[in-house]
Amino acid sequence: MIGEAELEAGKHPGYGKAMNVQEQAMRLSRPDKLRLMEALWADLTAAEEAFDSPSWHEAALRETEARVAAGEEQRLDWDEAKRRLRVRA
């Protein structure tokens, strides 16, 4: 385990490498960043069974489904949801 002082001083063996990867990613063009993000997401989600949903997630989904079924809530496509969220901010 590494101490906070060592990390801040850059003494951790992986410290420089991790920062280098981040710096490289920040220098990518927008299309390359999107391709990288998609590749990372595909890799992270390849084994869905490795991910545990939080305990509250199923209950929240059921509540939303019930509101939609009762006509109390409408489904939105992703573009409309993003637009509404941006207006709120």
PDB file of N, CA and C in Angstrom:
ATOM      1  N   MET A   1       0.842  -1.174   0.000  1.00  0.00           N
ATOM      2  CA  MET A   1       0.000   0.000   0.000  1.00  0.00           C
ATOM      3  C   MET A   1       0.883   1.231   0.000  1.00  0.00           C
ATOM      4  N   ILE A   2       0.455   2.235  -0.696  1.00  0.00           N
ATOM      5  CA  ILE A   2       1.244   3.457  -0.813  1.00  0.00           C
ATOM      6  C   ILE A   2       0.633   4.553   0.051  1.00  0.00           C
ATOM      7  N   GLY A   3       1.498   5.336   0.628  1.00  0.00           N
ATOM      8  CA  GLY A   3       1.033   6.444   1.452  1.00  0.00           C
ATOM      9  C   GLY A   3       0.686   7.652   0.607  1.00  0.00           C
ATOM     10  N   GLU A   4      -0.123   8.525   1.164  1.00  0.00           N
ATOM     11  CA  GLU A   4      -0.546   9.731   0.453  1.00  0.00           C
ATOM     12  C   GLU A   4       0.647  10.604   0.075  1.00  0.00           C
ATOM     13  N   ALA A   5       1.611  10.738   0.985  1.00  0.00           N
ATOM     14  CA  ALA A   5       2.783  11.574   0.709  1.00  0.00           C
ATOM     15  C   ALA A   5       3.581  11.013  -0.461  1.00  0.00           C
ATOM     16  N   GLU A   6       3.711   9.685  -0.521  1.00  0.00           N
ATOM     17  CA  GLU A   6       4.441   9.072  -1.632  1.00  0.00           C
ATOM     18  C   GLU A   6       3.725   9.311  -2.957  1.00  0.00           C
ATOM     19  N   LEU A   7       2.415   9.192  -2.919  1.00  0.00           N
ATOM     20  CA  LEU A   7       1.642   9.400  -4.134  1.00  0.00           C
ATOM     21  C   LEU A   7       1.799  10.833  -4.621  1.00  0.00           C
ATOM     22  N   GLU A   8       1.677  11.789  -3.704  1.00  0.00           N
ATOM     23  CA  GLU A   8       1.811  13.193  -4.075  1.00  0.00           C
ATOM     24  C   GLU A   8       3.210  13.496  -4.597  1.00  0.00           C
ATOM     25  N   ALA A   9       4.207  12.834  -4.058  1.00  0.00           N
ATOM     26  CA  ALA A   9       5.583  13.067  -4.485  1.00  0.00           C
ATOM     27  C   ALA A   9       5.906  12.333  -5.779  1.00  0.00           C
ATOM     28  N   GLY A  10       4.965  11.536  -6.280  1.00  0.00           N
ATOM     29  CA  GLY A  10       5.183  10.817  -7.526  1.00  0.00           C
ATOM     30  C   GLY A  10       6.083   9.615  -7.375  1.00  0.00           C
ATOM     31  N   LYS A  11       6.151   9.041  -6.174  1.00  0.00           N
ATOM     32  CA  LYS A  11       7.043   7.908  -5.933  1.00  0.00           C
ATOM     33  C   LYS A  11       6.397   6.563  -6.218  1.00  0.00           C
ATOM     34  N   HIS A  12       5.106   6.536  -6.462  1.00  0.00           N
ATOM     35  CA  HIS A  12       4.438   5.276  -6.759  1.00  0.00           C
ATOM     36  C   HIS A  12       4.886   4.810  -8.142  1.00  0.00           C
ATOM     37  N   PRO A  13       5.223   3.510  -8.289  1.00  0.00           N
ATOM     38  CA  PRO A  13       5.753   3.023  -9.563  1.00  0.00           C
ATOM     39  C   PRO A  13       4.809   3.244 -10.746  1.00  0.00           C
ATOM     40  N   GLY A  14       3.512   3.196 -10.538  1.00  0.00           N
ATOM     41  CA  GLY A  14       2.583   3.370 -11.645  1.00  0.00           C
ATOM     42  C   GLY A  14       2.101   4.790 -11.825  1.00  0.00           C
ATOM     43  N   TYR A  15       2.538   5.676 -10.976  1.00  0.00           N
ATOM     44  CA  TYR A  15       2.024   7.048 -10.982  1.00  0.00           C
ATOM     45  C   TYR A  15       2.260   7.744 -12.312  1.00  0.00           C
ATOM     46  N   GLY A  16       3.492   7.775 -12.767  1.00  0.00           N
ATOM     47  CA  GLY A  16       3.809   8.451 -14.018  1.00  0.00           C
ATOM     48  C   GLY A  16       3.100   7.845 -15.203  1.00  0.00           C
ATOM     49  N   LYS A  17       3.013   6.527 -15.223  1.00  0.00           N
ATOM     50  CA  LYS A  17       2.371   5.829 -16.328  1.00  0.00           C
ATOM     51  C   LYS A  17       0.887   6.177 -16.389  1.00  0.00           C
ATOM     52  N   ALA A  18       0.208   6.165 -15.241  1.00  0.00           N
ATOM     53  CA  ALA A  18      -1.222   6.475 -15.217  1.00  0.00           C
ATOM     54  C   ALA A  18      -1.463   7.896 -15.704  1.00  0.00           C
ATOM     55  N   MET A  19      -0.667   8.825 -15.260  1.00  0.00           N
ATOM     56  CA  MET A  19      -0.837  10.199 -15.689  1.00  0.00           C
ATOM     57  C   MET A  19      -0.541  10.322 -17.179  1.00  0.00           C
ATOM     58  N   ASN A  20       0.437   9.581 -17.649  1.00  0.00           N
ATOM     59  CA  ASN A  20       0.783   9.630 -19.057  1.00  0.00           C
ATOM     60  C   ASN A  20      -0.392   9.156 -19.914  1.00  0.00           C
ATOM     61  N   VAL A  21      -1.072   8.116 -19.491  1.00  0.00           N
ATOM     62  CA  VAL A  21      -2.218   7.604 -20.237  1.00  0.00           C
ATOM     63  C   VAL A  21      -3.322   8.653 -20.260  1.00  0.00           C
ATOM     64  N   GLN A  22      -3.586   9.273 -19.123  1.00  0.00           N
ATOM     65  CA  GLN A  22      -4.609  10.325 -19.074  1.00  0.00           C
ATOM     66  C   GLN A  22      -4.231  11.495 -19.968  1.00  0.00           C
ATOM     67  N   GLU A  23      -3.007  11.913 -19.889  1.00  0.00           N
ATOM     68  CA  GLU A  23      -2.557  13.031 -20.724  1.00  0.00           C
ATOM     69  C   GLU A  23      -2.696  12.691 -22.200  1.00  0.00           C
ATOM     70  N   GLN A  24      -2.342  11.470 -22.560  1.00  0.00           N
ATOM     71  CA  GLN A  24      -2.469  11.054 -23.957  1.00  0.00           C
ATOM     72  C   GLN A  24      -3.927  11.063 -24.397  1.00  0.00           C
ATOM     73  N   ALA A  25      -4.801  10.579 -23.538  1.00  0.00           N
ATOM     74  CA  ALA A  25      -6.226  10.547 -23.870  1.00  0.00           C
ATOM     75  C   ALA A  25      -6.770  11.958 -24.043  1.00  0.00           C
ATOM     76  N   MET A  26      -6.322  12.891 -23.230  1.00  0.00           N
ATOM     77  CA  MET A  26      -6.796  14.271 -23.324  1.00  0.00           C
ATOM     78  C   MET A  26      -6.339  14.943 -24.614  1.00  0.00           C
ATOM     79  N   ARG A  27      -5.284  14.455 -25.196  1.00  0.00           N
ATOM     80  CA  ARG A  27      -4.758  15.045 -26.435  1.00  0.00           C
ATOM     81  C   ARG A  27      -5.413  14.473 -27.686  1.00  0.00           C
ATOM     82  N   LEU A  28      -6.228  13.444 -27.535  1.00  0.00           N
ATOM     83  CA  LEU A  28      -6.890  12.833 -28.687  1.00  0.00           C
ATOM     84  C   LEU A  28      -7.932  13.774 -29.278  1.00  0.00           C
ATOM     85  N   SER A  29      -8.224  13.585 -30.549  1.00  0.00           N
ATOM     86  CA  SER A  29      -9.309  14.336 -31.180  1.00  0.00           C
ATOM     87  C   SER A  29     -10.633  13.838 -30.602  1.00  0.00           C
ATOM     88  N   ARG A  30     -11.676  14.610 -30.773  1.00  0.00           N
ATOM     89  CA  ARG A  30     -12.993  14.206 -30.270  1.00  0.00           C
ATOM     90  C   ARG A  30     -13.432  12.852 -30.838  1.00  0.00           C
ATOM     91  N   PRO A  31     -13.312  12.623 -32.159  1.00  0.00           N
ATOM     92  CA  PRO A  31     -13.701  11.305 -32.683  1.00  0.00           C
ATOM     93  C   PRO A  31     -12.875  10.168 -32.075  1.00  0.00           C
ATOM     94  N   ASP A  32     -11.576  10.402 -31.878  1.00  0.00           N
ATOM     95  CA  ASP A  32     -10.742   9.364 -31.267  1.00  0.00           C
ATOM     96  C   ASP A  32     -11.117   9.139 -29.810  1.00  0.00           C
ATOM     97  N   LYS A  33     -11.470  10.199 -29.097  1.00  0.00           N
ATOM     98  CA  LYS A  33     -11.924  10.045 -27.703  1.00  0.00           C
ATOM     99  C   LYS A  33     -13.194   9.207 -27.658  1.00  0.00           C
ATOM    100  N   LEU A  34     -14.104   9.454 -28.583  1.00  0.00           N
ATOM    101  CA  LEU A  34     -15.344   8.676 -28.612  1.00  0.00           C
ATOM    102  C   LEU A  34     -15.071   7.214 -28.932  1.00  0.00           C
ATOM    103  N   ARG A  35     -14.155   6.960 -29.877  1.00  0.00           N
ATOM    104  CA  ARG A  35     -13.799   5.567 -30.192  1.00  0.00           C
ATOM    105  C   ARG A  35     -13.159   4.891 -28.980  1.00  0.00           C
ATOM    106  N   LEU A  36     -12.286   5.623 -28.288  1.00  0.00           N
ATOM    107  CA  LEU A  36     -11.654   5.073 -27.088  1.00  0.00           C
ATOM    108  C   LEU A  36     -12.697   4.779 -26.014  1.00  0.00           C
ATOM    109  N   MET A  37     -13.625   5.713 -25.817  1.00  0.00           N
ATOM    110  CA  MET A  37     -14.668   5.521 -24.816  1.00  0.00           C
ATOM    111  C   MET A  37     -15.514   4.290 -25.151  1.00  0.00           C
ATOM    112  N   GLU A  38     -15.866   4.134 -26.420  1.00  0.00           N
ATOM    113  CA  GLU A  38     -16.654   2.972 -26.825  1.00  0.00           C
ATOM    114  C   GLU A  38     -15.886   1.674 -26.608  1.00  0.00           C
ATOM    115  N   ALA A  39     -14.584   1.693 -26.908  1.00  0.00           N
ATOM    116  CA  ALA A  39     -13.763   0.494 -26.711  1.00  0.00           C
ATOM    117  C   ALA A  39     -13.648   0.158 -25.228  1.00  0.00           C
ATOM    118  N   LEU A  40     -13.453   1.171 -24.396  1.00  0.00           N
ATOM    119  CA  LEU A  40     -13.372   0.943 -22.953  1.00  0.00           C
ATOM    120  C   LEU A  40     -14.698   0.412 -22.419  1.00  0.00           C
ATOM    121  N   TRP A  41     -15.805   1.012 -22.868  1.00  0.00           N
ATOM    122  CA  TRP A  41     -17.124   0.565 -22.403  1.00  0.00           C
ATOM    123  C   TRP A  41     -17.370  -0.882 -22.815  1.00  0.00           C
ATOM    124  N   ALA A  42     -17.026  -1.230 -24.050  1.00  0.00           N
ATOM    125  CA  ALA A  42     -17.209  -2.608 -24.516  1.00  0.00           C
ATOM    126  C   ALA A  42     -16.393  -3.570 -23.661  1.00  0.00           C
ATOM    127  N   ASP A  43     -15.182  -3.174 -23.335  1.00  0.00           N
ATOM    128  CA  ASP A  43     -14.326  -4.025 -22.514  1.00  0.00           C
ATOM    129  C   ASP A  43     -14.885  -4.170 -21.099  1.00  0.00           C
ATOM    130  N   LEU A  44     -15.324  -3.055 -20.521  1.00  0.00           N
ATOM    131  CA  LEU A  44     -15.838  -3.089 -19.150  1.00  0.00           C
ATOM    132  C   LEU A  44     -17.147  -3.864 -19.031  1.00  0.00           C
ATOM    133  N   THR A  45     -17.944  -3.867 -20.072  1.00  0.00           N
ATOM    134  CA  THR A  45     -19.252  -4.527 -20.002  1.00  0.00           C
ATOM    135  C   THR A  45     -19.259  -5.911 -20.649  1.00  0.00           C
ATOM    136  N   ALA A  46     -18.107  -6.405 -21.045  1.00  0.00           N
ATOM    137  CA  ALA A  46     -18.036  -7.713 -21.707  1.00  0.00           C
ATOM    138  C   ALA A  46     -18.543  -8.830 -20.803  1.00  0.00           C
ATOM    139  N   ALA A  47     -18.292  -8.726 -19.528  1.00  0.00           N
ATOM    140  CA  ALA A  47     -18.729  -9.757 -18.583  1.00  0.00           C
ATOM    141  C   ALA A  47     -19.796  -9.156 -17.670  1.00  0.00           C
ATOM    142  N   GLU A  48     -21.047  -9.120 -18.166  1.00  0.00           N
ATOM    143  CA  GLU A  48     -22.126  -8.493 -17.404  1.00  0.00           C
ATOM    144  C   GLU A  48     -22.328  -9.133 -16.037  1.00  0.00           C
ATOM    145  N   GLU A  49     -22.075 -10.435 -15.942  1.00  0.00           N
ATOM    146  CA  GLU A  49     -22.289 -11.113 -14.660  1.00  0.00           C
ATOM    147  C   GLU A  49     -21.328 -10.615 -13.581  1.00  0.00           C
ATOM    148  N   ALA A  50     -20.277  -9.924 -13.986  1.00  0.00           N
ATOM    149  CA  ALA A  50     -19.312  -9.392 -13.018  1.00  0.00           C
ATOM    150  C   ALA A  50     -19.835  -8.134 -12.336  1.00  0.00           C
ATOM    151  N   PHE A  51     -20.926  -7.562 -12.867  1.00  0.00           N
ATOM    152  CA  PHE A  51     -21.469  -6.330 -12.306  1.00  0.00           C
ATOM    153  C   PHE A  51     -22.703  -6.622 -11.484  1.00  0.00           C
ATOM    154  N   ASP A  52     -22.707  -6.142 -10.277  1.00  0.00           N
ATOM    155  CA  ASP A  52     -23.881  -6.262  -9.420  1.00  0.00           C
ATOM    156  C   ASP A  52     -24.601  -4.931  -9.396  1.00  0.00           C
ATOM    157  N   SER A  53     -25.894  -4.965  -9.728  1.00  0.00           N
ATOM    158  CA  SER A  53     -26.682  -3.746  -9.619  1.00  0.00           C
ATOM    159  C   SER A  53     -26.870  -3.414  -8.156  1.00  0.00           C
ATOM    160  N   PRO A  54     -26.951  -2.136  -7.829  1.00  0.00           N
ATOM    161  CA  PRO A  54     -27.217  -1.768  -6.443  1.00  0.00           C
ATOM    162  C   PRO A  54     -28.583  -2.308  -6.019  1.00  0.00           C
ATOM    163  N   SER A  55     -28.753  -2.555  -4.752  1.00  0.00           N
ATOM    164  CA  SER A  55     -29.995  -3.157  -4.258  1.00  0.00           C
ATOM    165  C   SER A  55     -31.221  -2.301  -4.556  1.00  0.00           C
ATOM    166  N   TRP A  56     -31.060  -0.993  -4.623  1.00  0.00           N
ATOM    167  CA  TRP A  56     -32.197  -0.101  -4.865  1.00  0.00           C
ATOM    168  C   TRP A  56     -32.610  -0.074  -6.330  1.00  0.00           C
ATOM    169  N   HIS A  57     -31.779  -0.573  -7.241  1.00  0.00           N
ATOM    170  CA  HIS A  57     -32.015  -0.404  -8.664  1.00  0.00           C
ATOM    171  C   HIS A  57     -33.275  -1.111  -9.150  1.00  0.00           C
ATOM    172  N   GLU A  58     -33.481  -2.371  -8.742  1.00  0.00           N
ATOM    173  CA  GLU A  58     -34.670  -3.100  -9.190  1.00  0.00           C
ATOM    174  C   GLU A  58     -35.946  -2.432  -8.691  1.00  0.00           C
ATOM    175  N   ALA A  59     -35.943  -1.975  -7.442  1.00  0.00           N
ATOM    176  CA  ALA A  59     -37.126  -1.299  -6.898  1.00  0.00           C
ATOM    177  C   ALA A  59     -37.412  -0.008  -7.665  1.00  0.00           C
ATOM    178  N   ALA A  60     -36.370   0.747  -7.993  1.00  0.00           N
ATOM    179  CA  ALA A  60     -36.554   1.996  -8.740  1.00  0.00           C
ATOM    180  C   ALA A  60     -37.115   1.718 -10.126  1.00  0.00           C
ATOM    181  N   LEU A  61     -36.636   0.661 -10.785  1.00  0.00           N
ATOM    182  CA  LEU A  61     -37.157   0.313 -12.102  1.00  0.00           C
ATOM    183  C   LEU A  61     -38.627  -0.092 -12.028  1.00  0.00           C
ATOM    184  N   ARG A  62     -38.976  -0.869 -11.017  1.00  0.00           N
ATOM    185  CA  ARG A  62     -40.381  -1.290 -10.858  1.00  0.00           C
ATOM    186  C   ARG A  62     -41.298  -0.091 -10.584  1.00  0.00           C
ATOM    187  N   GLU A  63     -40.824   0.851  -9.786  1.00  0.00           N
ATOM    188  CA  GLU A  63     -41.612   2.058  -9.506  1.00  0.00           C
ATOM    189  C   GLU A  63     -41.836   2.860 -10.777  1.00  0.00           C
ATOM    190  N   THR A  64     -40.816   2.999 -11.580  1.00  0.00           N
ATOM    191  CA  THR A  64     -40.945   3.732 -12.839  1.00  0.00           C
ATOM    192  C   THR A  64     -41.897   3.016 -13.783  1.00  0.00           C
ATOM    193  N   GLU A  65     -41.770   1.698 -13.901  1.00  0.00           N
ATOM    194  CA  GLU A  65     -42.677   0.923 -14.754  1.00  0.00           C
ATOM    195  C   GLU A  65     -44.124   1.094 -14.304  1.00  0.00           C
ATOM    196  N   ALA A  66     -44.355   1.121 -13.005  1.00  0.00           N
ATOM    197  CA  ALA A  66     -45.710   1.288 -12.471  1.00  0.00           C
ATOM    198  C   ALA A  66     -46.261   2.665 -12.825  1.00  0.00           C
ATOM    199  N   ARG A  67     -45.426   3.714 -12.724  1.00  0.00           N
ATOM    200  CA  ARG A  67     -45.881   5.068 -13.070  1.00  0.00           C
ATOM    201  C   ARG A  67     -46.200   5.178 -14.565  1.00  0.00           C
ATOM    202  N   VAL A  68     -45.394   4.529 -15.398  1.00  0.00           N
ATOM    203  CA  VAL A  68     -45.661   4.539 -16.842  1.00  0.00           C
ATOM    204  C   VAL A  68     -46.969   3.809 -17.123  1.00  0.00           C
ATOM    205  N   ALA A  69     -47.168   2.643 -16.514  1.00  0.00           N
ATOM    206  CA  ALA A  69     -48.390   1.857 -16.719  1.00  0.00           C
ATOM    207  C   ALA A  69     -49.628   2.616 -16.255  1.00  0.00           C
ATOM    208  N   ALA A  70     -49.490   3.421 -15.192  1.00  0.00           N
ATOM    209  CA  ALA A  70     -50.617   4.182 -14.656  1.00  0.00           C
ATOM    210  C   ALA A  70     -50.833   5.492 -15.413  1.00  0.00           C
ATOM    211  N   GLY A  71     -49.986   5.786 -16.380  1.00  0.00           N
ATOM    212  CA  GLY A  71     -50.121   7.017 -17.144  1.00  0.00           C
ATOM    213  C   GLY A  71     -49.605   8.247 -16.417  1.00  0.00           C
ATOM    214  N   GLU A  72     -48.875   8.035 -15.335  1.00  0.00           N
ATOM    215  CA  GLU A  72     -48.350   9.149 -14.545  1.00  0.00           C
ATOM    216  C   GLU A  72     -47.007   9.645 -15.059  1.00  0.00           C
ATOM    217  N   GLU A  73     -46.405   8.881 -15.953  1.00  0.00           N
ATOM    218  CA  GLU A  73     -45.091   9.224 -16.472  1.00  0.00           C
ATOM    219  C   GLU A  73     -45.007   8.744 -17.912  1.00  0.00           C
ATOM    220  N   GLN A  74     -44.295   9.513 -18.728  1.00  0.00           N
ATOM    221  CA  GLN A  74     -44.141   9.140 -20.131  1.00  0.00           C
ATOM    222  C   GLN A  74     -42.698   8.761 -20.408  1.00  0.00           C
ATOM    223  N   ARG A  75     -42.544   7.864 -21.369  1.00  0.00           N
ATOM    224  CA  ARG A  75     -41.199   7.509 -21.812  1.00  0.00           C
ATOM    225  C   ARG A  75     -40.705   8.579 -22.772  1.00  0.00           C
ATOM    226  N   LEU A  76     -39.413   8.839 -22.693  1.00  0.00           N
ATOM    227  CA  LEU A  76     -38.794   9.806 -23.591  1.00  0.00           C
ATOM    228  C   LEU A  76     -37.674   9.128 -24.357  1.00  0.00           C
ATOM    229  N   ASP A  77     -37.468   9.579 -25.595  1.00  0.00           N
ATOM    230  CA  ASP A  77     -36.289   9.071 -26.278  1.00  0.00           C
ATOM    231  C   ASP A  77     -35.081   9.795 -25.693  1.00  0.00           C
ATOM    232  N   TRP A  78     -33.904   9.253 -25.943  1.00  0.00           N
ATOM    233  CA  TRP A  78     -32.687   9.753 -25.312  1.00  0.00           C
ATOM    234  C   TRP A  78     -32.411  11.212 -25.668  1.00  0.00           C
ATOM    235  N   ASP A  79     -32.637  11.606 -26.916  1.00  0.00           N
ATOM    236  CA  ASP A  79     -32.379  12.989 -27.315  1.00  0.00           C
ATOM    237  C   ASP A  79     -33.267  13.966 -26.545  1.00  0.00           C
ATOM    238  N   GLU A  80     -34.529  13.625 -26.372  1.00  0.00           N
ATOM    239  CA  GLU A  80     -35.437  14.492 -25.624  1.00  0.00           C
ATOM    240  C   GLU A  80     -35.059  14.536 -24.146  1.00  0.00           C
ATOM    241  N   ALA A  81     -34.679  13.405 -23.584  1.00  0.00           N
ATOM    242  CA  ALA A  81     -34.266  13.379 -22.170  1.00  0.00           C
ATOM    243  C   ALA A  81     -33.046  14.271 -21.966  1.00  0.00           C
ATOM    244  N   LYS A  82     -32.055  14.194 -22.861  1.00  0.00           N
ATOM    245  CA  LYS A  82     -30.866  15.042 -22.745  1.00  0.00           C
ATOM    246  C   LYS A  82     -31.242  16.511 -22.863  1.00  0.00           C
ATOM    247  N   ARG A  83     -32.145  16.849 -23.800  1.00  0.00           N
ATOM    248  CA  ARG A  83     -32.560  18.235 -23.962  1.00  0.00           C
ATOM    249  C   ARG A  83     -33.189  18.767 -22.680  1.00  0.00           C
ATOM    250  N   ARG A  84     -34.079  17.983 -22.091  1.00  0.00           N
ATOM    251  CA  ARG A  84     -34.742  18.429 -20.851  1.00  0.00           C
ATOM    252  C   ARG A  84     -33.760  18.570 -19.695  1.00  0.00           C
ATOM    253  N   LEU A  85     -32.818  17.672 -19.602  1.00  0.00           N
ATOM    254  CA  LEU A  85     -31.821  17.767 -18.539  1.00  0.00           C
ATOM    255  C   LEU A  85     -30.940  19.009 -18.707  1.00  0.00           C
ATOM    256  N   ARG A  86     -30.611  19.332 -19.940  1.00  0.00           N
ATOM    257  CA  ARG A  86     -29.790  20.517 -20.200  1.00  0.00           C
ATOM    258  C   ARG A  86     -30.536  21.803 -19.862  1.00  0.00           C
ATOM    259  N   VAL A  87     -31.836  21.825 -20.099  1.00  0.00           N
ATOM    260  CA  VAL A  87     -32.642  23.005 -19.782  1.00  0.00           C
ATOM    261  C   VAL A  87     -32.669  23.236 -18.264  1.00  0.00           C
ATOM    262  N   ARG A  88     -32.696  22.168 -17.498  1.00  0.00           N
ATOM    263  CA  ARG A  88     -32.709  22.259 -16.027  1.00  0.00           C
ATOM    264  C   ARG A  88     -31.436  22.858 -15.469  1.00  0.00           C
ATOM    265  N   ALA A  89     -30.307  22.527 -16.079  1.00  0.00           N
ATOM    266  CA  ALA A  89     -28.996  22.907 -15.544  1.00  0.00           C
ATOM    267  C   ALA A  89     -28.705  24.362 -15.593  1.00  0.00           C
TER     268      ALA A  89
END
